Amino acid sequence: MATKKKTPAPAAPSCPVCQGSGEVSRTVHVGRKRRAVGEQTGLCLNCLGSGEAPTA
């Protein structure tokens, strides 16, 4: 009897916000006038760092 070939599971689409990296850059503000001084990376709140597009 021949063995059945398993088809690979379809790849999950990447998150549109972070493009699949799981991290996003945010501007850092300081001082009373909220002057922008740089950027820092943080967890993507859309996919919670998984890099996959949320379902639902």
Protein backbone atom coordinates (compact mmCIF):
# COMPACT_ATOMS: atom_id res chain seq x y z
CA MET A 1 0.00 0.00 0.00
CA ALA A 2 1.33 3.46 -0.92
CA THR A 3 1.95 6.06 1.74
CA LYS A 4 -0.09 9.26 1.67
CA LYS A 5 1.67 12.53 1.08
CA LYS A 6 0.95 15.17 3.66
CA THR A 7 0.38 18.65 2.35
CA PRO A 8 2.05 21.37 4.41
CA ALA A 9 -0.17 23.64 6.46
CA PRO A 10 -0.79 27.01 4.83
CA ALA A 11 1.46 29.75 6.18
CA ALA A 12 -0.27 32.28 8.41
CA PRO A 13 -0.37 35.78 6.95
CA SER A 14 2.00 38.29 8.53
CA CYS A 15 0.77 41.14 10.71
CA PRO A 16 0.05 44.31 8.69
CA VAL A 17 1.31 46.60 11.46
CA CYS A 18 4.75 45.09 12.16
CA GLN A 19 5.20 43.15 8.86
CA GLY A 20 5.80 39.92 10.77
CA SER A 21 8.65 41.07 13.02
CA GLY A 22 6.58 41.34 16.22
CA GLU A 23 8.12 44.71 17.10
CA VAL A 24 7.20 48.31 16.29
CA SER A 25 9.14 51.55 16.77
CA ARG A 26 7.74 54.31 18.96
CA THR A 27 8.97 57.89 19.25
CA VAL A 28 10.39 58.88 22.67
CA HIS A 29 9.38 62.34 23.94
CA VAL A 30 11.01 64.25 26.81
CA GLY A 31 10.48 67.52 28.62
CA ARG A 32 7.55 69.84 29.11
CA LYS A 33 7.32 70.64 25.42
CA ARG A 34 7.40 66.91 24.54
CA ARG A 35 10.50 67.16 22.35
CA ALA A 36 11.16 64.02 20.26
CA VAL A 37 14.62 62.60 21.02
CA GLY A 38 14.63 59.18 19.39
CA GLU A 39 12.86 55.87 18.95
CA GLN A 40 12.60 52.65 20.88
CA THR A 41 11.18 49.30 19.85
CA GLY A 42 8.32 47.65 21.63
CA LEU A 43 5.92 44.75 21.38
CA CYS A 44 3.35 44.96 18.59
CA LEU A 45 -0.06 45.30 20.24
CA ASN A 46 -1.90 44.11 17.14
CA CYS A 47 -0.40 40.60 17.08
CA LEU A 48 1.09 40.59 20.62
CA GLY A 49 4.57 39.87 19.28
CA SER A 50 3.77 36.70 17.36
CA GLY A 51 4.17 38.30 13.91
CA GLU A 52 1.05 36.60 12.58
CA ALA A 53 -2.10 38.43 11.57
CA PRO A 54 -4.80 38.18 14.23
CA THR A 55 -7.83 36.08 13.38
CA ALA A 56 -11.32 37.49 13.85
